[in-house]
């Protein structure tokens, strides 16, 4: 029995190609993303270990990212300068349909959601509430943050200029976690057809 072997150089050249296909595909999917069903929203921070004296939101030199998860659907992420109402509301208004049930933690920047026509439900983490048993939770988006941080940790730190690219790839992998091989094969096939035109 013979095995087809790839050299290290071949494998090294394939990964950037796969990544480029994934990122192109995810950019297209992000453009089309609109949550018209129950949506979980949360923010997280990526970057170096906590700087002494800086705690919580905005802890030294970290990149703030807002995440929207359509329950039983895909996640959408966007790095923001700060987790303020001014930064978060445009993202939410562009990507979540009016009237949808939105689940968040108690962060004050989300307080305006009801004014914009959303049915806003808060999870009171400061009161040790993580799931009320009635669907009032943000476990889905928090699961994505856990997945993203584990995955990005494999790179032993991601330079800021590559962060958006790595986050896009992580978003795509999470959204296609049950169909990664099949979806990637389709993207490769589609790219080959396009290149041979």
N, C-alpha and C. Protein backbone atom coordinates (compact mmCIF):
# COMPACT_ATOMS: atom_id res chain seq x y z
N UNK A 1 0.85 -1.18 0.00
CA UNK A 1 0.00 0.00 0.00
C UNK A 1 0.89 1.24 0.00
N UNK A 2 0.60 2.17 -0.91
CA UNK A 2 1.40 3.40 -0.97
C UNK A 2 0.60 4.57 -0.41
N UNK A 3 1.31 5.49 0.19
CA UNK A 3 0.69 6.68 0.76
C UNK A 3 1.21 7.90 0.00
N UNK A 4 0.28 8.84 -0.25
CA UNK A 4 0.68 10.08 -0.91
C UNK A 4 1.22 11.00 0.17
N UNK A 5 2.47 11.42 0.02
CA UNK A 5 3.10 12.23 1.06
C UNK A 5 3.29 13.67 0.58
N UNK A 6 3.02 14.60 1.50
CA UNK A 6 3.24 16.02 1.21
C UNK A 6 4.52 16.46 1.90
N UNK A 7 5.28 17.30 1.23
CA UNK A 7 6.47 17.87 1.87
C UNK A 7 6.03 19.01 2.79
N UNK A 8 6.92 19.38 3.70
CA UNK A 8 6.64 20.49 4.61
C UNK A 8 6.39 21.77 3.82
N UNK A 9 7.16 21.96 2.74
CA UNK A 9 7.02 23.16 1.91
C UNK A 9 5.63 23.21 1.26
N UNK A 10 5.14 22.06 0.78
CA UNK A 10 3.82 22.00 0.16
C UNK A 10 2.73 22.35 1.16
N UNK A 11 2.82 21.74 2.34
CA UNK A 11 1.83 22.00 3.38
C UNK A 11 1.87 23.47 3.78
N UNK A 12 3.06 24.03 3.94
CA UNK A 12 3.22 25.43 4.33
C UNK A 12 2.62 26.37 3.30
N UNK A 13 2.68 25.98 2.03
CA UNK A 13 2.12 26.85 0.98
C UNK A 13 0.60 26.71 0.88
N UNK A 14 0.07 25.57 1.32
CA UNK A 14 -1.37 25.35 1.24
C UNK A 14 -2.15 26.12 2.31
N UNK A 15 -1.59 26.23 3.50
CA UNK A 15 -2.32 26.91 4.58
C UNK A 15 -2.69 28.35 4.23
N UNK A 16 -1.77 29.17 3.71
CA UNK A 16 -2.17 30.53 3.33
C UNK A 16 -3.23 30.55 2.23
N UNK A 17 -3.17 29.58 1.32
CA UNK A 17 -4.19 29.49 0.26
C UNK A 17 -5.55 29.18 0.86
N UNK A 18 -5.61 28.18 1.75
CA UNK A 18 -6.88 27.85 2.41
C UNK A 18 -7.41 29.05 3.19
N UNK A 19 -6.49 29.71 3.90
CA UNK A 19 -6.90 30.87 4.71
C UNK A 19 -7.48 31.98 3.84
N UNK A 20 -6.86 32.21 2.68
CA UNK A 20 -7.37 33.26 1.79
C UNK A 20 -8.77 32.94 1.28
N UNK A 21 -9.02 31.65 0.97
CA UNK A 21 -10.37 31.23 0.53
C UNK A 21 -11.39 31.43 1.65
N UNK A 22 -10.99 31.04 2.87
CA UNK A 22 -11.87 31.16 4.03
C UNK A 22 -12.22 32.62 4.29
N UNK A 23 -11.22 33.49 4.25
CA UNK A 23 -11.45 34.91 4.54
C UNK A 23 -12.34 35.55 3.47
N UNK A 24 -12.10 35.25 2.20
CA UNK A 24 -12.95 35.79 1.13
C UNK A 24 -14.40 35.35 1.33
N UNK A 25 -14.58 34.08 1.66
CA UNK A 25 -15.93 33.54 1.87
C UNK A 25 -16.59 34.20 3.08
N UNK A 26 -15.84 34.35 4.17
CA UNK A 26 -16.41 34.94 5.37
C UNK A 26 -16.77 36.41 5.17
N UNK A 27 -15.97 37.14 4.40
CA UNK A 27 -16.30 38.54 4.10
C UNK A 27 -17.62 38.64 3.36
N UNK A 28 -17.85 37.72 2.45
CA UNK A 28 -19.13 37.69 1.72
C UNK A 28 -20.28 37.37 2.66
N UNK A 29 -20.10 36.37 3.52
CA UNK A 29 -21.14 35.98 4.47
C UNK A 29 -21.44 37.10 5.46
N UNK A 30 -20.41 37.82 5.89
CA UNK A 30 -20.60 38.93 6.83
C UNK A 30 -21.43 40.04 6.20
N UNK A 31 -21.19 40.29 4.92
CA UNK A 31 -21.95 41.32 4.21
C UNK A 31 -23.44 40.97 4.19
N UNK A 32 -23.74 39.68 4.10
CA UNK A 32 -25.13 39.21 4.02
C UNK A 32 -25.76 38.98 5.40
N UNK A 33 -24.96 39.00 6.46
CA UNK A 33 -25.46 38.67 7.81
C UNK A 33 -26.52 39.66 8.28
N UNK A 34 -27.67 39.12 8.69
CA UNK A 34 -28.71 39.91 9.34
C UNK A 34 -29.46 38.96 10.27
N UNK A 35 -29.45 39.24 11.55
CA UNK A 35 -30.15 38.38 12.50
C UNK A 35 -31.59 38.84 12.63
N UNK A 36 -32.51 37.95 12.29
CA UNK A 36 -33.94 38.28 12.37
C UNK A 36 -34.64 37.39 13.40
N UNK A 37 -33.84 36.84 14.31
CA UNK A 37 -34.35 35.96 15.35
C UNK A 37 -33.63 36.28 16.66
N UNK A 38 -33.90 35.54 17.71
CA UNK A 38 -33.26 35.79 19.00
C UNK A 38 -31.75 35.95 18.82
N UNK A 39 -31.21 37.01 19.42
CA UNK A 39 -29.81 37.36 19.22
C UNK A 39 -29.12 37.62 20.56
N UNK A 40 -27.97 37.00 20.73
CA UNK A 40 -27.15 37.25 21.92
C UNK A 40 -26.03 38.21 21.54
N UNK A 41 -25.81 39.22 22.39
CA UNK A 41 -24.76 40.21 22.12
C UNK A 41 -23.88 40.33 23.36
N UNK A 42 -22.57 40.37 23.11
CA UNK A 42 -21.62 40.52 24.21
C UNK A 42 -20.34 41.11 23.63
N UNK A 43 -19.47 41.55 24.49
CA UNK A 43 -18.18 42.06 24.04
C UNK A 43 -17.09 41.31 24.79
N UNK A 44 -15.93 41.25 24.15
CA UNK A 44 -14.79 40.58 24.77
C UNK A 44 -13.53 41.33 24.39
N UNK A 45 -12.43 40.98 25.05
CA UNK A 45 -11.16 41.67 24.85
C UNK A 45 -10.06 40.67 24.53
N UNK A 46 -9.26 41.01 23.53
CA UNK A 46 -8.18 40.14 23.07
C UNK A 46 -6.88 40.91 23.14
N UNK A 47 -5.81 40.21 23.49
CA UNK A 47 -4.52 40.87 23.51
C UNK A 47 -3.65 40.37 24.63
N UNK A 48 -2.65 41.18 25.00
CA UNK A 48 -1.68 40.75 26.02
C UNK A 48 -2.33 40.58 27.38
N UNK A 49 -1.62 39.94 28.26
CA UNK A 49 -2.11 39.74 29.62
C UNK A 49 -2.42 41.08 30.27
N UNK A 50 -3.28 41.02 31.25
CA UNK A 50 -3.71 42.23 31.93
C UNK A 50 -2.52 43.06 32.41
N UNK A 51 -2.63 44.36 32.19
CA UNK A 51 -1.61 45.29 32.65
C UNK A 51 -1.91 45.66 34.10
N UNK A 52 -0.90 45.66 34.93
CA UNK A 52 -1.09 45.97 36.35
C UNK A 52 -1.79 47.32 36.52
N UNK A 53 -2.83 47.34 37.33
CA UNK A 53 -3.55 48.58 37.59
C UNK A 53 -4.73 48.80 36.66
N UNK A 54 -4.83 48.01 35.58
CA UNK A 54 -5.95 48.15 34.65
C UNK A 54 -6.83 46.92 34.77
N UNK A 55 -8.13 47.13 34.99
CA UNK A 55 -9.03 46.00 35.17
C UNK A 55 -10.27 46.17 34.30
N UNK A 56 -10.93 45.04 34.05
CA UNK A 56 -12.23 45.06 33.38
C UNK A 56 -12.17 45.55 31.95
N UNK A 57 -13.28 46.17 31.51
CA UNK A 57 -13.40 46.63 30.14
C UNK A 57 -12.31 47.65 29.83
N UNK A 58 -11.60 47.40 28.74
CA UNK A 58 -10.56 48.32 28.33
C UNK A 58 -9.23 48.10 29.00
N UNK A 59 -9.05 46.94 29.64
CA UNK A 59 -7.77 46.66 30.32
C UNK A 59 -6.62 46.79 29.32
N UNK A 60 -5.57 47.46 29.74
CA UNK A 60 -4.44 47.89 28.92
C UNK A 60 -4.13 47.18 27.64
N UNK A 61 -4.15 47.91 26.54
CA UNK A 61 -3.69 47.49 25.21
C UNK A 61 -4.46 46.31 24.61
N UNK A 62 -5.61 46.02 25.11
CA UNK A 62 -6.40 44.92 24.55
C UNK A 62 -7.30 45.45 23.42
N UNK A 63 -7.67 44.56 22.51
CA UNK A 63 -8.57 44.92 21.41
C UNK A 63 -9.98 44.53 21.80
N UNK A 64 -10.88 45.50 21.78
CA UNK A 64 -12.28 45.26 22.11
C UNK A 64 -13.01 44.72 20.87
N UNK A 65 -13.82 43.69 21.08
CA UNK A 65 -14.58 43.08 19.98
C UNK A 65 -16.02 42.88 20.44
N UNK A 66 -16.98 43.31 19.61
CA UNK A 66 -18.39 43.05 19.91
C UNK A 66 -18.80 41.83 19.09
N UNK A 67 -19.61 40.96 19.69
CA UNK A 67 -20.06 39.75 19.01
C UNK A 67 -21.57 39.64 19.04
N UNK A 68 -22.16 39.27 17.91
CA UNK A 68 -23.59 39.04 17.79
C UNK A 68 -23.79 37.60 17.37
N UNK A 69 -24.60 36.87 18.09
CA UNK A 69 -24.88 35.48 17.76
C UNK A 69 -26.37 35.29 17.54
N UNK A 70 -26.73 34.91 16.33
CA UNK A 70 -28.11 34.55 16.05
C UNK A 70 -28.30 33.14 16.60
N UNK A 71 -29.20 32.99 17.56
CA UNK A 71 -29.38 31.67 18.17
C UNK A 71 -29.73 30.64 17.09
N UNK A 72 -29.09 29.50 17.16
CA UNK A 72 -29.22 28.42 16.18
C UNK A 72 -28.71 28.89 14.80
N UNK A 73 -27.81 29.88 14.82
CA UNK A 73 -27.27 30.39 13.56
C UNK A 73 -25.82 30.81 13.70
N UNK A 74 -25.43 31.79 12.92
CA UNK A 74 -24.04 32.20 12.84
C UNK A 74 -23.69 33.33 13.80
N UNK A 75 -22.39 33.51 13.98
CA UNK A 75 -21.87 34.60 14.80
C UNK A 75 -21.28 35.66 13.87
N UNK A 76 -21.34 36.92 14.33
CA UNK A 76 -20.77 38.05 13.61
C UNK A 76 -19.95 38.84 14.62
N UNK A 77 -18.69 39.15 14.30
CA UNK A 77 -17.86 39.91 15.23
C UNK A 77 -17.32 41.16 14.56
N UNK A 78 -17.01 42.15 15.39
CA UNK A 78 -16.41 43.37 14.86
C UNK A 78 -15.55 44.04 15.93
N UNK A 79 -14.26 44.24 15.62
CA UNK A 79 -13.43 45.01 16.55
C UNK A 79 -13.94 46.45 16.63
N UNK A 80 -13.95 47.01 17.83
CA UNK A 80 -14.41 48.39 18.03
C UNK A 80 -13.37 49.13 18.86
N UNK A 81 -13.39 50.46 18.74
CA UNK A 81 -12.44 51.27 19.50
C UNK A 81 -12.73 51.24 20.99
N UNK A 82 -14.02 51.16 21.33
CA UNK A 82 -14.44 51.11 22.73
C UNK A 82 -15.82 50.48 22.78
N UNK A 83 -16.18 49.93 23.93
CA UNK A 83 -17.50 49.30 24.07
C UNK A 83 -18.50 50.31 24.60
N UNK A 84 -18.60 51.42 23.88
CA UNK A 84 -19.52 52.50 24.25
C UNK A 84 -20.79 52.40 23.40
N UNK A 85 -21.82 53.05 23.84
CA UNK A 85 -23.08 53.10 23.08
C UNK A 85 -22.82 53.61 21.67
N UNK A 86 -21.98 54.63 21.55
CA UNK A 86 -21.67 55.24 20.25
C UNK A 86 -21.04 54.24 19.29
N UNK A 87 -20.23 53.32 19.80
CA UNK A 87 -19.56 52.32 18.96
C UNK A 87 -20.44 51.09 18.71
N UNK A 88 -21.20 50.66 19.74
CA UNK A 88 -21.95 49.41 19.64
C UNK A 88 -23.25 49.53 18.86
N UNK A 89 -23.99 50.62 19.07
CA UNK A 89 -25.31 50.75 18.46
C UNK A 89 -25.31 50.68 16.93
N UNK A 90 -24.37 51.36 16.22
CA UNK A 90 -24.37 51.24 14.75
C UNK A 90 -24.19 49.81 14.26
N UNK A 91 -23.37 49.02 14.96
CA UNK A 91 -23.14 47.62 14.58
C UNK A 91 -24.43 46.83 14.76
N UNK A 92 -25.09 47.02 15.91
CA UNK A 92 -26.32 46.28 16.21
C UNK A 92 -27.43 46.68 15.25
N UNK A 93 -27.61 47.97 15.01
CA UNK A 93 -28.68 48.45 14.12
C UNK A 93 -28.49 47.96 12.68
N UNK A 94 -27.24 47.79 12.27
CA UNK A 94 -26.95 47.33 10.91
C UNK A 94 -27.13 45.83 10.74
N UNK A 95 -27.00 45.06 11.83
CA UNK A 95 -26.95 43.62 11.71
C UNK A 95 -28.06 42.85 12.42
N UNK A 96 -28.96 43.56 13.12
CA UNK A 96 -30.07 42.89 13.81
C UNK A 96 -31.37 43.57 13.40
N UNK A 97 -32.35 42.77 12.98
CA UNK A 97 -33.63 43.30 12.53
C UNK A 97 -34.41 43.91 13.70
N UNK A 98 -35.13 44.96 13.42
CA UNK A 98 -35.92 45.64 14.45
C UNK A 98 -36.96 44.70 15.05
N UNK A 99 -37.19 44.83 16.36
CA UNK A 99 -38.20 44.03 17.04
C UNK A 99 -37.72 42.70 17.57
N UNK A 100 -36.48 42.34 17.26
CA UNK A 100 -35.92 41.05 17.67
C UNK A 100 -35.66 41.03 19.18
N UNK A 101 -35.77 39.84 19.80
CA UNK A 101 -35.37 39.65 21.19
C UNK A 101 -33.85 39.66 21.26
N UNK A 102 -33.28 40.58 22.06
CA UNK A 102 -31.84 40.67 22.22
C UNK A 102 -31.48 40.37 23.67
N UNK A 103 -30.49 39.50 23.85
CA UNK A 103 -30.02 39.11 25.18
C UNK A 103 -28.61 39.65 25.37
N UNK A 104 -28.39 40.37 26.49
CA UNK A 104 -27.07 40.91 26.80
C UNK A 104 -26.80 40.76 28.29
N UNK A 105 -25.58 41.12 28.69
CA UNK A 105 -25.31 41.25 30.11
C UNK A 105 -25.77 42.65 30.53
N UNK A 106 -25.41 43.08 31.72
CA UNK A 106 -25.90 44.35 32.23
C UNK A 106 -25.09 45.58 31.86
N UNK A 107 -24.19 45.47 30.89
CA UNK A 107 -23.35 46.60 30.50
C UNK A 107 -24.21 47.77 30.05
N UNK A 108 -23.94 48.96 30.60
CA UNK A 108 -24.78 50.15 30.41
C UNK A 108 -24.93 50.57 28.95
N UNK A 109 -23.98 50.27 28.09
CA UNK A 109 -24.06 50.67 26.69
C UNK A 109 -25.21 50.00 25.95
N UNK A 110 -25.76 48.91 26.52
CA UNK A 110 -26.88 48.22 25.89
C UNK A 110 -28.23 48.78 26.34
N UNK A 111 -28.24 49.71 27.30
CA UNK A 111 -29.50 50.21 27.86
C UNK A 111 -30.42 50.85 26.83
N UNK A 112 -29.86 51.36 25.73
CA UNK A 112 -30.66 52.06 24.72
C UNK A 112 -31.37 51.11 23.75
N UNK A 113 -31.15 49.81 23.86
CA UNK A 113 -31.73 48.88 22.88
C UNK A 113 -33.25 48.96 22.81
N UNK A 114 -33.90 49.08 23.94
CA UNK A 114 -35.37 49.16 23.95
C UNK A 114 -35.86 50.39 23.20
N UNK A 115 -35.12 51.49 23.30
CA UNK A 115 -35.48 52.74 22.61
C UNK A 115 -35.48 52.53 21.09
N UNK A 116 -34.60 51.65 20.62
CA UNK A 116 -34.48 51.38 19.18
C UNK A 116 -35.44 50.28 18.70
N UNK A 117 -36.35 49.86 19.56
CA UNK A 117 -37.39 48.92 19.14
C UNK A 117 -37.07 47.44 19.35
N UNK A 118 -36.03 47.14 20.11
CA UNK A 118 -35.70 45.75 20.39
C UNK A 118 -36.33 45.32 21.72
N UNK A 119 -36.60 44.03 21.86
CA UNK A 119 -37.07 43.48 23.12
C UNK A 119 -35.82 43.05 23.89
N UNK A 120 -35.35 43.94 24.76
CA UNK A 120 -34.06 43.75 25.43
C UNK A 120 -34.21 42.97 26.72
N UNK A 121 -33.46 41.86 26.82
CA UNK A 121 -33.47 41.03 28.03
C UNK A 121 -32.05 40.96 28.59
N UNK A 122 -31.91 41.32 29.86
CA UNK A 122 -30.58 41.36 30.48
C UNK A 122 -30.33 40.14 31.36
N UNK A 123 -29.10 39.67 31.29
CA UNK A 123 -28.63 38.62 32.21
C UNK A 123 -27.82 39.34 33.28
N UNK A 124 -28.19 39.18 34.52
CA UNK A 124 -27.55 39.91 35.61
C UNK A 124 -26.37 39.13 36.17
N UNK A 125 -25.23 39.20 35.48
CA UNK A 125 -24.04 38.48 35.92
C UNK A 125 -23.57 38.95 37.30
N UNK A 126 -23.77 40.24 37.59
CA UNK A 126 -23.33 40.77 38.89
C UNK A 126 -24.13 40.18 40.04
N UNK A 127 -25.27 39.55 39.71
CA UNK A 127 -26.07 38.86 40.74
C UNK A 127 -25.94 37.34 40.60
N UNK A 128 -24.83 36.90 39.97
CA UNK A 128 -24.56 35.48 39.73
C UNK A 128 -25.64 34.80 38.91
N UNK A 129 -26.27 35.55 38.02
CA UNK A 129 -27.27 34.96 37.11
C UNK A 129 -26.58 34.69 35.78
N UNK A 130 -26.55 33.44 35.38
CA UNK A 130 -25.92 33.08 34.12
C UNK A 130 -26.91 32.42 33.17
N UNK A 131 -27.94 31.80 33.70
CA UNK A 131 -29.02 31.26 32.89
C UNK A 131 -30.24 31.12 33.80
N UNK A 132 -31.27 31.86 33.45
CA UNK A 132 -32.47 31.87 34.30
C UNK A 132 -33.35 30.65 34.06
N UNK A 133 -33.00 29.82 33.07
CA UNK A 133 -33.80 28.64 32.79
C UNK A 133 -34.96 28.93 31.85
N UNK A 134 -35.15 30.21 31.51
CA UNK A 134 -36.25 30.59 30.63
C UNK A 134 -35.72 31.10 29.29
N UNK A 135 -34.47 30.75 28.98
CA UNK A 135 -33.87 31.21 27.72
C UNK A 135 -33.16 32.53 27.86
N UNK A 136 -33.19 33.12 29.05
CA UNK A 136 -32.54 34.41 29.26
C UNK A 136 -31.07 34.17 29.63
N UNK A 137 -30.22 34.05 28.61
CA UNK A 137 -28.79 33.81 28.82
C UNK A 137 -28.01 34.27 27.60
N UNK A 138 -26.70 34.35 27.74
CA UNK A 138 -25.83 34.65 26.61
C UNK A 138 -24.73 33.58 26.51
N UNK A 139 -25.12 32.36 26.82
CA UNK A 139 -24.17 31.24 26.82
C UNK A 139 -23.59 30.96 25.43
N UNK A 140 -24.39 31.20 24.39
CA UNK A 140 -23.92 30.92 23.03
C UNK A 140 -22.76 31.81 22.62
N UNK A 141 -22.90 33.11 22.81
CA UNK A 141 -21.82 34.03 22.42
C UNK A 141 -20.62 33.85 23.34
N UNK A 142 -20.86 33.54 24.61
CA UNK A 142 -19.73 33.30 25.51
C UNK A 142 -18.99 32.02 25.12
N UNK A 143 -19.72 31.06 24.56
CA UNK A 143 -19.08 29.84 24.05
C UNK A 143 -18.17 30.19 22.87
N UNK A 144 -18.62 31.12 22.03
CA UNK A 144 -17.77 31.55 20.91
C UNK A 144 -16.51 32.23 21.42
N UNK A 145 -16.62 33.11 22.42
CA UNK A 145 -15.43 33.78 22.95
C UNK A 145 -14.42 32.76 23.46
N UNK A 146 -14.92 31.74 24.16
CA UNK A 146 -14.04 30.70 24.69
C UNK A 146 -13.33 29.97 23.54
N UNK A 147 -14.09 29.63 22.50
CA UNK A 147 -13.54 28.95 21.33
C UNK A 147 -12.48 29.83 20.66
N UNK A 148 -12.80 31.12 20.46
CA UNK A 148 -11.89 32.04 19.77
C UNK A 148 -10.58 32.21 20.55
N UNK A 149 -10.68 32.36 21.85
CA UNK A 149 -9.47 32.58 22.64
C UNK A 149 -8.58 31.33 22.69
N UNK A 150 -9.21 30.16 22.74
CA UNK A 150 -8.43 28.91 22.70
C UNK A 150 -7.72 28.78 21.36
N UNK A 151 -8.44 29.07 20.29
CA UNK A 151 -7.87 28.93 18.95
C UNK A 151 -6.75 29.94 18.71
N UNK A 152 -6.96 31.19 19.06
CA UNK A 152 -5.95 32.22 18.81
C UNK A 152 -4.73 32.03 19.71
N UNK A 153 -4.91 31.39 20.85
CA UNK A 153 -3.78 31.12 21.76
C UNK A 153 -2.77 30.18 21.11
N UNK A 154 -3.21 29.38 20.14
CA UNK A 154 -2.31 28.45 19.45
C UNK A 154 -1.21 29.18 18.69
N UNK A 155 -1.46 30.46 18.34
CA UNK A 155 -0.48 31.22 17.57
C UNK A 155 0.55 31.91 18.48
N UNK A 156 0.42 31.68 19.81
CA UNK A 156 1.34 32.30 20.78
C UNK A 156 1.39 33.82 20.62
N UNK A 157 0.22 34.40 20.47
CA UNK A 157 0.13 35.85 20.28
C UNK A 157 -0.06 36.18 18.81
N UNK A 158 -1.00 37.08 18.53
CA UNK A 158 -1.27 37.51 17.16
C UNK A 158 -0.96 39.00 17.08
N UNK A 159 -0.11 39.37 16.13
CA UNK A 159 0.21 40.79 15.95
C UNK A 159 -1.06 41.54 15.58
N UNK A 160 -1.13 42.79 16.04
CA UNK A 160 -2.33 43.59 15.83
C UNK A 160 -2.72 43.69 14.36
N UNK A 161 -1.74 43.78 13.47
CA UNK A 161 -2.05 43.94 12.04
C UNK A 161 -2.67 42.68 11.44
N UNK A 162 -2.48 41.52 12.10
CA UNK A 162 -3.07 40.28 11.61
C UNK A 162 -4.32 39.88 12.38
N UNK A 163 -4.68 40.63 13.40
CA UNK A 163 -5.76 40.21 14.29
C UNK A 163 -7.10 40.08 13.56
N UNK A 164 -7.47 41.07 12.76
CA UNK A 164 -8.77 41.03 12.07
C UNK A 164 -8.86 39.80 11.17
N UNK A 165 -7.76 39.51 10.48
CA UNK A 165 -7.72 38.34 9.58
C UNK A 165 -7.91 37.04 10.37
N UNK A 166 -7.20 36.91 11.48
CA UNK A 166 -7.32 35.69 12.30
C UNK A 166 -8.71 35.59 12.92
N UNK A 167 -9.29 36.73 13.31
CA UNK A 167 -10.64 36.73 13.87
C UNK A 167 -11.66 36.31 12.82
N UNK A 168 -11.50 36.79 11.60
CA UNK A 168 -12.40 36.39 10.50
C UNK A 168 -12.34 34.89 10.28
N UNK A 169 -11.13 34.36 10.26
CA UNK A 169 -10.96 32.92 10.05
C UNK A 169 -11.62 32.13 11.20
N UNK A 170 -11.45 32.61 12.42
CA UNK A 170 -12.04 31.95 13.59
C UNK A 170 -13.56 32.00 13.53
N UNK A 171 -14.09 33.14 13.11
CA UNK A 171 -15.53 33.30 12.94
C UNK A 171 -16.06 32.28 11.93
N UNK A 172 -15.37 32.16 10.79
CA UNK A 172 -15.78 31.21 9.75
C UNK A 172 -15.72 29.78 10.26
N UNK A 173 -14.63 29.44 10.96
CA UNK A 173 -14.48 28.07 11.48
C UNK A 173 -15.58 27.74 12.50
N UNK A 174 -15.94 28.71 13.33
CA UNK A 174 -17.02 28.49 14.31
C UNK A 174 -18.35 28.30 13.58
N UNK A 175 -18.62 29.14 12.61
CA UNK A 175 -19.89 29.06 11.89
C UNK A 175 -20.02 27.80 11.05
N UNK A 176 -18.90 27.21 10.65
CA UNK A 176 -18.91 26.00 9.82
C UNK A 176 -18.29 24.81 10.56
N UNK A 177 -18.32 24.84 11.89
CA UNK A 177 -17.62 23.83 12.68
C UNK A 177 -18.09 22.40 12.40
N UNK A 178 -19.32 22.23 11.92
CA UNK A 178 -19.81 20.88 11.62
C UNK A 178 -19.60 20.49 10.16
N UNK A 179 -19.18 21.45 9.34
CA UNK A 179 -19.05 21.19 7.90
C UNK A 179 -17.75 21.76 7.31
N UNK A 180 -16.71 21.90 8.13
CA UNK A 180 -15.48 22.57 7.66
C UNK A 180 -14.91 21.89 6.41
N UNK A 181 -14.73 20.57 6.45
CA UNK A 181 -14.10 19.88 5.32
C UNK A 181 -14.92 20.02 4.03
N UNK A 182 -16.23 19.79 4.15
CA UNK A 182 -17.09 19.86 2.97
C UNK A 182 -17.12 21.27 2.39
N UNK A 183 -17.24 22.28 3.28
CA UNK A 183 -17.33 23.66 2.81
C UNK A 183 -16.01 24.10 2.18
N UNK A 184 -14.89 23.72 2.79
CA UNK A 184 -13.59 24.10 2.24
C UNK A 184 -13.37 23.43 0.87
N UNK A 185 -13.80 22.17 0.72
CA UNK A 185 -13.69 21.49 -0.58
C UNK A 185 -14.48 22.23 -1.65
N UNK A 186 -15.67 22.71 -1.29
CA UNK A 186 -16.50 23.47 -2.24
C UNK A 186 -15.80 24.77 -2.65
N UNK A 187 -15.19 25.44 -1.68
CA UNK A 187 -14.50 26.70 -1.97
C UNK A 187 -13.30 26.47 -2.90
N UNK A 188 -12.56 25.37 -2.66
CA UNK A 188 -11.41 25.04 -3.51
C UNK A 188 -11.88 24.73 -4.93
N UNK A 189 -12.94 23.94 -5.03
CA UNK A 189 -13.49 23.58 -6.35
C UNK A 189 -13.96 24.82 -7.10
N UNK A 190 -14.67 25.71 -6.39
CA UNK A 190 -15.17 26.94 -7.00
C UNK A 190 -14.02 27.82 -7.47
N UNK A 191 -12.94 27.87 -6.67
CA UNK A 191 -11.79 28.70 -7.02
C UNK A 191 -11.09 28.14 -8.25
N UNK A 192 -10.98 26.82 -8.33
CA UNK A 192 -10.33 26.19 -9.49
C UNK A 192 -11.12 26.47 -10.76
N UNK A 193 -12.44 26.40 -10.68
CA UNK A 193 -13.30 26.69 -11.84
C UNK A 193 -13.10 28.13 -12.27
N UNK A 194 -13.05 29.03 -11.28
CA UNK A 194 -12.87 30.46 -11.58
C UNK A 194 -11.51 30.71 -12.25
N UNK A 195 -10.45 30.06 -11.74
CA UNK A 195 -9.10 30.27 -12.28
C UNK A 195 -8.95 29.69 -13.68
N UNK A 196 -9.73 28.66 -14.02
CA UNK A 196 -9.63 28.01 -15.32
C UNK A 196 -10.53 28.62 -16.39
N UNK A 197 -11.19 29.70 -16.06
CA UNK A 197 -12.06 30.36 -17.08
C UNK A 197 -11.25 30.99 -18.17
